[in-house]
Amino acid sequence: MLDGGIYVSEAVGTQHDQKFAAGGAYISAHPIDRLSNRELQILHMIGKGMSTRETAQSYELEHQTIESHRQRISAS
């Protein structure tokens, strides 16, 4: 269980730390760096094989909200 935490790989965590330390000005060519924290959470759920409906229930969000995030992730 995540106990309310967000767990990401070491590589993603390092990139996030660099971005935060630079005041958000960290520039990377990697598309994942353009995703919001919520989109990273959704991406994690996609990676676990969870459906849009399961993800929406997990985060107590509307199905359409998750679909919007999934579309943005796909476009990145």
PDB file of N, CA and C in Angstrom:
ATOM      1  N   MET A   1       0.845  -1.185   0.000  1.00  0.00           N
ATOM      2  CA  MET A   1       0.000   0.000   0.000  1.00  0.00           C
ATOM      3  C   MET A   1       0.886   1.243   0.000  1.00  0.00           C
ATOM      4  N   LEU A   2       0.455   2.251  -0.694  1.00  0.00           N
ATOM      5  CA  LEU A   2       1.245   3.470  -0.824  1.00  0.00           C
ATOM      6  C   LEU A   2       1.134   4.397   0.378  1.00  0.00           C
ATOM      7  N   ASP A   3       0.142   4.192   1.236  1.00  0.00           N
ATOM      8  CA  ASP A   3      -0.044   5.024   2.432  1.00  0.00           C
ATOM      9  C   ASP A   3      -0.052   6.511   2.107  1.00  0.00           C
ATOM     10  N   GLY A   4      -0.651   6.846   0.977  1.00  0.00           N
ATOM     11  CA  GLY A   4      -0.768   8.245   0.599  1.00  0.00           C
ATOM     12  C   GLY A   4       0.467   8.815  -0.060  1.00  0.00           C
ATOM     13  N   GLY A   5       1.514   8.023  -0.189  1.00  0.00           N
ATOM     14  CA  GLY A   5       2.757   8.492  -0.804  1.00  0.00           C
ATOM     15  C   GLY A   5       2.779   8.265  -2.295  1.00  0.00           C
ATOM     16  N   ILE A   6       3.737   8.878  -2.927  1.00  0.00           N
ATOM     17  CA  ILE A   6       3.950   8.701  -4.356  1.00  0.00           C
ATOM     18  C   ILE A   6       5.326   8.092  -4.526  1.00  0.00           C
ATOM     19  N   TYR A   7       5.391   6.978  -5.202  1.00  0.00           N
ATOM     20  CA  TYR A   7       6.645   6.289  -5.393  1.00  0.00           C
ATOM     21  C   TYR A   7       6.999   6.276  -6.869  1.00  0.00           C
ATOM     22  N   VAL A   8       8.186   6.726  -7.184  1.00  0.00           N
ATOM     23  CA  VAL A   8       8.673   6.765  -8.564  1.00  0.00           C
ATOM     24  C   VAL A   8      10.069   6.144  -8.596  1.00  0.00           C
ATOM     25  N   SER A   9      10.501   5.827  -9.800  1.00  0.00           N
ATOM     26  CA  SER A   9      11.839   5.252  -9.931  1.00  0.00           C
ATOM     27  C   SER A   9      12.892   6.269  -9.497  1.00  0.00           C
ATOM     28  N   GLU A  10      14.079   5.784  -9.242  1.00  0.00           N
ATOM     29  CA  GLU A  10      15.169   6.663  -8.831  1.00  0.00           C
ATOM     30  C   GLU A  10      15.464   7.708  -9.912  1.00  0.00           C
ATOM     31  N   ALA A  11      15.419   7.287 -11.187  1.00  0.00           N
ATOM     32  CA  ALA A  11      15.698   8.215 -12.289  1.00  0.00           C
ATOM     33  C   ALA A  11      14.673   9.338 -12.339  1.00  0.00           C
ATOM     34  N   VAL A  12      13.406   9.002 -12.195  1.00  0.00           N
ATOM     35  CA  VAL A  12      12.356  10.029 -12.223  1.00  0.00           C
ATOM     36  C   VAL A  12      12.481  10.922 -10.994  1.00  0.00           C
ATOM     37  N   GLY A  13      12.782  10.335  -9.847  1.00  0.00           N
ATOM     38  CA  GLY A  13      12.956  11.126  -8.630  1.00  0.00           C
ATOM     39  C   GLY A  13      14.102  12.115  -8.748  1.00  0.00           C
ATOM     40  N   THR A  14      15.200  11.679  -9.338  1.00  0.00           N
ATOM     41  CA  THR A  14      16.352  12.554  -9.532  1.00  0.00           C
ATOM     42  C   THR A  14      15.994  13.712 -10.451  1.00  0.00           C
ATOM     43  N   GLN A  15      15.299  13.415 -11.537  1.00  0.00           N
ATOM     44  CA  GLN A  15      14.887  14.469 -12.460  1.00  0.00           C
ATOM     45  C   GLN A  15      13.957  15.455 -11.770  1.00  0.00           C
ATOM     46  N   HIS A  16      13.041  14.937 -10.983  1.00  0.00           N
ATOM     47  CA  HIS A  16      12.116  15.810 -10.259  1.00  0.00           C
ATOM     48  C   HIS A  16      12.873  16.696  -9.276  1.00  0.00           C
ATOM     49  N   ASP A  17      13.841  16.122  -8.561  1.00  0.00           N
ATOM     50  CA  ASP A  17      14.641  16.894  -7.603  1.00  0.00           C
ATOM     51  C   ASP A  17      15.411  18.013  -8.306  1.00  0.00           C
ATOM     52  N   GLN A  18      15.978  17.702  -9.460  1.00  0.00           N
ATOM     53  CA  GLN A  18      16.716  18.710 -10.223  1.00  0.00           C
ATOM     54  C   GLN A  18      15.788  19.826 -10.666  1.00  0.00           C
ATOM     55  N   LYS A  19      14.613  19.463 -11.118  1.00  0.00           N
ATOM     56  CA  LYS A  19      13.634  20.456 -11.565  1.00  0.00           C
ATOM     57  C   LYS A  19      13.214  21.353 -10.398  1.00  0.00           C
ATOM     58  N   PHE A  20      12.961  20.735  -9.249  1.00  0.00           N
ATOM     59  CA  PHE A  20      12.557  21.497  -8.068  1.00  0.00           C
ATOM     60  C   PHE A  20      13.673  22.420  -7.599  1.00  0.00           C
ATOM     61  N   ALA A  21      14.898  21.908  -7.561  1.00  0.00           N
ATOM     62  CA  ALA A  21      16.041  22.699  -7.104  1.00  0.00           C
ATOM     63  C   ALA A  21      16.302  23.899  -8.002  1.00  0.00           C
ATOM     64  N   ALA A  22      15.956  23.769  -9.265  1.00  0.00           N
ATOM     65  CA  ALA A  22      16.164  24.861 -10.211  1.00  0.00           C
ATOM     66  C   ALA A  22      14.963  25.809 -10.241  1.00  0.00           C
ATOM     67  N   GLY A  23      14.070  25.649  -9.296  1.00  0.00           N
ATOM     68  CA  GLY A  23      12.898  26.524  -9.245  1.00  0.00           C
ATOM     69  C   GLY A  23      11.936  26.276 -10.386  1.00  0.00           C
ATOM     70  N   GLY A  24      11.901  25.058 -10.872  1.00  0.00           N
ATOM     71  CA  GLY A  24      11.005  24.716 -11.965  1.00  0.00           C
ATOM     72  C   GLY A  24      11.568  25.061 -13.321  1.00  0.00           C
ATOM     73  N   ALA A  25      12.768  25.627 -13.348  1.00  0.00           N
ATOM     74  CA  ALA A  25      13.354  26.073 -14.615  1.00  0.00           C
ATOM     75  C   ALA A  25      14.206  24.998 -15.269  1.00  0.00           C
ATOM     76  N   TYR A  26      14.295  23.829 -14.647  1.00  0.00           N
ATOM     77  CA  TYR A  26      15.080  22.731 -15.201  1.00  0.00           C
ATOM     78  C   TYR A  26      14.508  22.346 -16.567  1.00  0.00           C
ATOM     79  N   ILE A  27      15.323  22.347 -17.561  1.00  0.00           N
ATOM     80  CA  ILE A  27      14.875  22.034 -18.918  1.00  0.00           C
ATOM     81  C   ILE A  27      15.434  20.683 -19.319  1.00  0.00           C
ATOM     82  N   SER A  28      14.556  19.839 -19.781  1.00  0.00           N
ATOM     83  CA  SER A  28      14.965  18.510 -20.217  1.00  0.00           C
ATOM     84  C   SER A  28      14.259  18.179 -21.515  1.00  0.00           C
ATOM     85  N   ALA A  29      14.916  17.415 -22.335  1.00  0.00           N
ATOM     86  CA  ALA A  29      14.314  16.982 -23.583  1.00  0.00           C
ATOM     87  C   ALA A  29      13.364  15.812 -23.360  1.00  0.00           C
ATOM     88  N   HIS A  30      13.372  15.238 -22.169  1.00  0.00           N
ATOM     89  CA  HIS A  30      12.542  14.069 -21.903  1.00  0.00           C
ATOM     90  C   HIS A  30      11.088  14.492 -21.664  1.00  0.00           C
ATOM     91  N   PRO A  31      10.152  13.920 -22.405  1.00  0.00           N
ATOM     92  CA  PRO A  31       8.738  14.310 -22.285  1.00  0.00           C
ATOM     93  C   PRO A  31       8.149  14.104 -20.893  1.00  0.00           C
ATOM     94  N   ILE A  32       8.656  13.154 -20.135  1.00  0.00           N
ATOM     95  CA  ILE A  32       8.092  12.895 -18.808  1.00  0.00           C
ATOM     96  C   ILE A  32       8.263  14.100 -17.887  1.00  0.00           C
ATOM     97  N   ASP A  33       9.262  14.919 -18.158  1.00  0.00           N
ATOM     98  CA  ASP A  33       9.501  16.099 -17.326  1.00  0.00           C
ATOM     99  C   ASP A  33       8.416  17.158 -17.486  1.00  0.00           C
ATOM    100  N   ARG A  34       7.634  17.049 -18.519  1.00  0.00           N
ATOM    101  CA  ARG A  34       6.560  18.027 -18.752  1.00  0.00           C
ATOM    102  C   ARG A  34       5.259  17.624 -18.066  1.00  0.00           C
ATOM    103  N   LEU A  35       5.241  16.453 -17.458  1.00  0.00           N
ATOM    104  CA  LEU A  35       4.021  15.977 -16.808  1.00  0.00           C
ATOM    105  C   LEU A  35       3.897  16.545 -15.399  1.00  0.00           C
ATOM    106  N   SER A  36       2.656  16.800 -15.008  1.00  0.00           N
ATOM    107  CA  SER A  36       2.387  17.266 -13.647  1.00  0.00           C
ATOM    108  C   SER A  36       2.518  16.087 -12.681  1.00  0.00           C
ATOM    109  N   ASN A  37       2.525  16.405 -11.396  1.00  0.00           N
ATOM    110  CA  ASN A  37       2.587  15.345 -10.393  1.00  0.00           C
ATOM    111  C   ASN A  37       1.411  14.387 -10.533  1.00  0.00           C
ATOM    112  N   ARG A  38       0.216  14.926 -10.765  1.00  0.00           N
ATOM    113  CA  ARG A  38      -0.964  14.078 -10.924  1.00  0.00           C
ATOM    114  C   ARG A  38      -0.824  13.198 -12.160  1.00  0.00           C
ATOM    115  N   GLU A  39      -0.302  13.752 -13.237  1.00  0.00           N
ATOM    116  CA  GLU A  39      -0.108  12.957 -14.448  1.00  0.00           C
ATOM    117  C   GLU A  39       0.913  11.846 -14.221  1.00  0.00           C
ATOM    118  N   LEU A  40       1.934  12.117 -13.421  1.00  0.00           N
ATOM    119  CA  LEU A  40       2.890  11.067 -13.074  1.00  0.00           C
ATOM    120  C   LEU A  40       2.211   9.963 -12.259  1.00  0.00           C
ATOM    121  N   GLN A  41       1.296  10.347 -11.378  1.00  0.00           N
ATOM    122  CA  GLN A  41       0.546   9.357 -10.613  1.00  0.00           C
ATOM    123  C   GLN A  41      -0.295   8.489 -11.552  1.00  0.00           C
ATOM    124  N   ILE A  42      -0.960   9.148 -12.500  1.00  0.00           N
ATOM    125  CA  ILE A  42      -1.803   8.430 -13.463  1.00  0.00           C
ATOM    126  C   ILE A  42      -0.938   7.499 -14.312  1.00  0.00           C
ATOM    127  N   LEU A  43       0.213   7.986 -14.747  1.00  0.00           N
ATOM    128  CA  LEU A  43       1.131   7.170 -15.534  1.00  0.00           C
ATOM    129  C   LEU A  43       1.546   5.928 -14.744  1.00  0.00           C
ATOM    130  N   HIS A  44       1.788   6.094 -13.468  1.00  0.00           N
ATOM    131  CA  HIS A  44       2.140   4.962 -12.603  1.00  0.00           C
ATOM    132  C   HIS A  44       1.004   3.933 -12.590  1.00  0.00           C
ATOM    133  N   MET A  45      -0.219   4.413 -12.483  1.00  0.00           N
ATOM    134  CA  MET A  45      -1.375   3.513 -12.464  1.00  0.00           C
ATOM    135  C   MET A  45      -1.531   2.795 -13.809  1.00  0.00           C
ATOM    136  N   ILE A  46      -1.282   3.519 -14.894  1.00  0.00           N
ATOM    137  CA  ILE A  46      -1.332   2.895 -16.222  1.00  0.00           C
ATOM    138  C   ILE A  46      -0.305   1.774 -16.284  1.00  0.00           C
ATOM    139  N   GLY A  47       0.880   2.054 -15.775  1.00  0.00           N
ATOM    140  CA  GLY A  47       1.948   1.062 -15.760  1.00  0.00           C
ATOM    141  C   GLY A  47       1.597  -0.178 -14.950  1.00  0.00           C
ATOM    142  N   LYS A  48       0.770  -0.002 -13.941  1.00  0.00           N
ATOM    143  CA  LYS A  48       0.328  -1.126 -13.122  1.00  0.00           C
ATOM    144  C   LYS A  48      -0.827  -1.876 -13.784  1.00  0.00           C
ATOM    145  N   GLY A  49      -1.298  -1.352 -14.935  1.00  0.00           N
ATOM    146  CA  GLY A  49      -2.383  -2.011 -15.651  1.00  0.00           C
ATOM    147  C   GLY A  49      -3.772  -1.648 -15.170  1.00  0.00           C
ATOM    148  N   MET A  50      -3.869  -0.580 -14.399  1.00  0.00           N
ATOM    149  CA  MET A  50      -5.180  -0.176 -13.885  1.00  0.00           C
ATOM    150  C   MET A  50      -5.984   0.527 -14.968  1.00  0.00           C
ATOM    151  N   SER A  51      -7.277   0.302 -14.962  1.00  0.00           N
ATOM    152  CA  SER A  51      -8.170   0.945 -15.921  1.00  0.00           C
ATOM    153  C   SER A  51      -8.432   2.391 -15.515  1.00  0.00           C
ATOM    154  N   THR A  52      -9.024   3.130 -16.429  1.00  0.00           N
ATOM    155  CA  THR A  52      -9.390   4.517 -16.131  1.00  0.00           C
ATOM    156  C   THR A  52     -10.349   4.562 -14.953  1.00  0.00           C
ATOM    157  N   ARG A  53     -11.311   3.661 -14.948  1.00  0.00           N
ATOM    158  CA  ARG A  53     -12.303   3.642 -13.868  1.00  0.00           C
ATOM    159  C   ARG A  53     -11.644   3.307 -12.524  1.00  0.00           C
ATOM    160  N   GLU A  54     -10.762   2.324 -12.505  1.00  0.00           N
ATOM    161  CA  GLU A  54     -10.062   1.963 -11.272  1.00  0.00           C
ATOM    162  C   GLU A  54      -9.207   3.119 -10.761  1.00  0.00           C
ATOM    163  N   THR A  55      -8.535   3.798 -11.689  1.00  0.00           N
ATOM    164  CA  THR A  55      -7.692   4.934 -11.316  1.00  0.00           C
ATOM    165  C   THR A  55      -8.539   6.063 -10.758  1.00  0.00           C
ATOM    166  N   ALA A  56      -9.666   6.333 -11.402  1.00  0.00           N
ATOM    167  CA  ALA A  56     -10.573   7.389 -10.922  1.00  0.00           C
ATOM    168  C   ALA A  56     -11.062   7.075  -9.517  1.00  0.00           C
ATOM    169  N   GLN A  57     -11.428   5.836  -9.272  1.00  0.00           N
ATOM    170  CA  GLN A  57     -11.887   5.444  -7.937  1.00  0.00           C
ATOM    171  C   GLN A  57     -10.766   5.563  -6.919  1.00  0.00           C
ATOM    172  N   SER A  58      -9.570   5.174  -7.311  1.00  0.00           N
ATOM    173  CA  SER A  58      -8.426   5.215  -6.416  1.00  0.00           C
ATOM    174  C   SER A  58      -8.122   6.635  -5.938  1.00  0.00           C
ATOM    175  N   TYR A  59      -8.226   7.598  -6.847  1.00  0.00           N
ATOM    176  CA  TYR A  59      -7.913   8.990  -6.507  1.00  0.00           C
ATOM    177  C   TYR A  59      -9.161   9.822  -6.204  1.00  0.00           C
ATOM    178  N   GLU A  60     -10.320   9.167  -6.204  1.00  0.00           N
ATOM    179  CA  GLU A  60     -11.591   9.851  -5.957  1.00  0.00           C
ATOM    180  C   GLU A  60     -11.782  11.020  -6.916  1.00  0.00           C
ATOM    181  N   LEU A  61     -11.543  10.732  -8.194  1.00  0.00           N
ATOM    182  CA  LEU A  61     -11.716  11.721  -9.258  1.00  0.00           C
ATOM    183  C   LEU A  61     -12.735  11.206 -10.264  1.00  0.00           C
ATOM    184  N   GLU A  62     -13.224  12.107 -11.091  1.00  0.00           N
ATOM    185  CA  GLU A  62     -14.163  11.728 -12.140  1.00  0.00           C
ATOM    186  C   GLU A  62     -13.439  10.977 -13.252  1.00  0.00           C
ATOM    187  N   HIS A  63     -14.157  10.075 -13.884  1.00  0.00           N
ATOM    188  CA  HIS A  63     -13.626   9.300 -15.012  1.00  0.00           C
ATOM    189  C   HIS A  63     -13.068  10.228 -16.086  1.00  0.00           C
ATOM    190  N   GLN A  64     -13.787  11.296 -16.415  1.00  0.00           N
ATOM    191  CA  GLN A  64     -13.357  12.222 -17.469  1.00  0.00           C
ATOM    192  C   GLN A  64     -12.062  12.938 -17.096  1.00  0.00           C
ATOM    193  N   THR A  65     -11.865  13.209 -15.821  1.00  0.00           N
ATOM    194  CA  THR A  65     -10.624  13.843 -15.373  1.00  0.00           C
ATOM    195  C   THR A  65      -9.438  12.933 -15.666  1.00  0.00           C
ATOM    196  N   ILE A  66      -9.595  11.656 -15.370  1.00  0.00           N
ATOM    197  CA  ILE A  66      -8.524  10.692 -15.638  1.00  0.00           C
ATOM    198  C   ILE A  66      -8.300  10.578 -17.139  1.00  0.00           C
ATOM    199  N   GLU A  67      -9.366  10.565 -17.921  1.00  0.00           N
ATOM    200  CA  GLU A  67      -9.229  10.506 -19.381  1.00  0.00           C
ATOM    201  C   GLU A  67      -8.449  11.714 -19.903  1.00  0.00           C
ATOM    202  N   SER A  68      -8.703  12.885 -19.352  1.00  0.00           N
ATOM    203  CA  SER A  68      -7.980  14.084 -19.758  1.00  0.00           C
ATOM    204  C   SER A  68      -6.499  13.951 -19.453  1.00  0.00           C
ATOM    205  N   HIS A  69      -6.194  13.443 -18.267  1.00  0.00           N
ATOM    206  CA  HIS A  69      -4.790  13.234 -17.908  1.00  0.00           C
ATOM    207  C   HIS A  69      -4.134  12.215 -18.838  1.00  0.00           C
ATOM    208  N   ARG A  70      -4.850  11.133 -19.137  1.00  0.00           N
ATOM    209  CA  ARG A  70      -4.308  10.087 -20.009  1.00  0.00           C
ATOM    210  C   ARG A  70      -4.016  10.650 -21.404  1.00  0.00           C
ATOM    211  N   GLN A  71      -4.884  11.507 -21.907  1.00  0.00           N
ATOM    212  CA  GLN A  71      -4.676  12.126 -23.221  1.00  0.00           C
ATOM    213  C   GLN A  71      -3.434  13.012 -23.203  1.00  0.00           C
ATOM    214  N   ARG A  72      -3.263  13.784 -22.142  1.00  0.00           N
ATOM    215  CA  ARG A  72      -2.080  14.646 -22.040  1.00  0.00           C
ATOM    216  C   ARG A  72      -0.799  13.809 -21.952  1.00  0.00           C
ATOM    217  N   ILE A  73      -0.872  12.709 -21.207  1.00  0.00           N
ATOM    218  CA  ILE A  73       0.279  11.813 -21.095  1.00  0.00           C
ATOM    219  C   ILE A  73       0.628  11.250 -22.465  1.00  0.00           C
ATOM    220  N   SER A  74      -0.387  10.826 -23.198  1.00  0.00           N
ATOM    221  CA  SER A  74      -0.161  10.254 -24.533  1.00  0.00           C
ATOM    222  C   SER A  74       0.433  11.265 -25.497  1.00  0.00           C
ATOM    223  N   ALA A  75       0.059  12.529 -25.316  1.00  0.00           N
ATOM    224  CA  ALA A  75       0.551  13.585 -26.221  1.00  0.00           C
ATOM    225  C   ALA A  75       1.982  13.992 -25.902  1.00  0.00           C
ATOM    226  N   SER A  76       2.462  13.639 -24.717  1.00  0.00           N
ATOM    227  CA  SER A  76       3.814  14.044 -24.315  1.00  0.00           C
ATOM    228  C   SER A  76       4.887  13.195 -24.936  1.00  0.00           C
TER     229      SER A  76
END
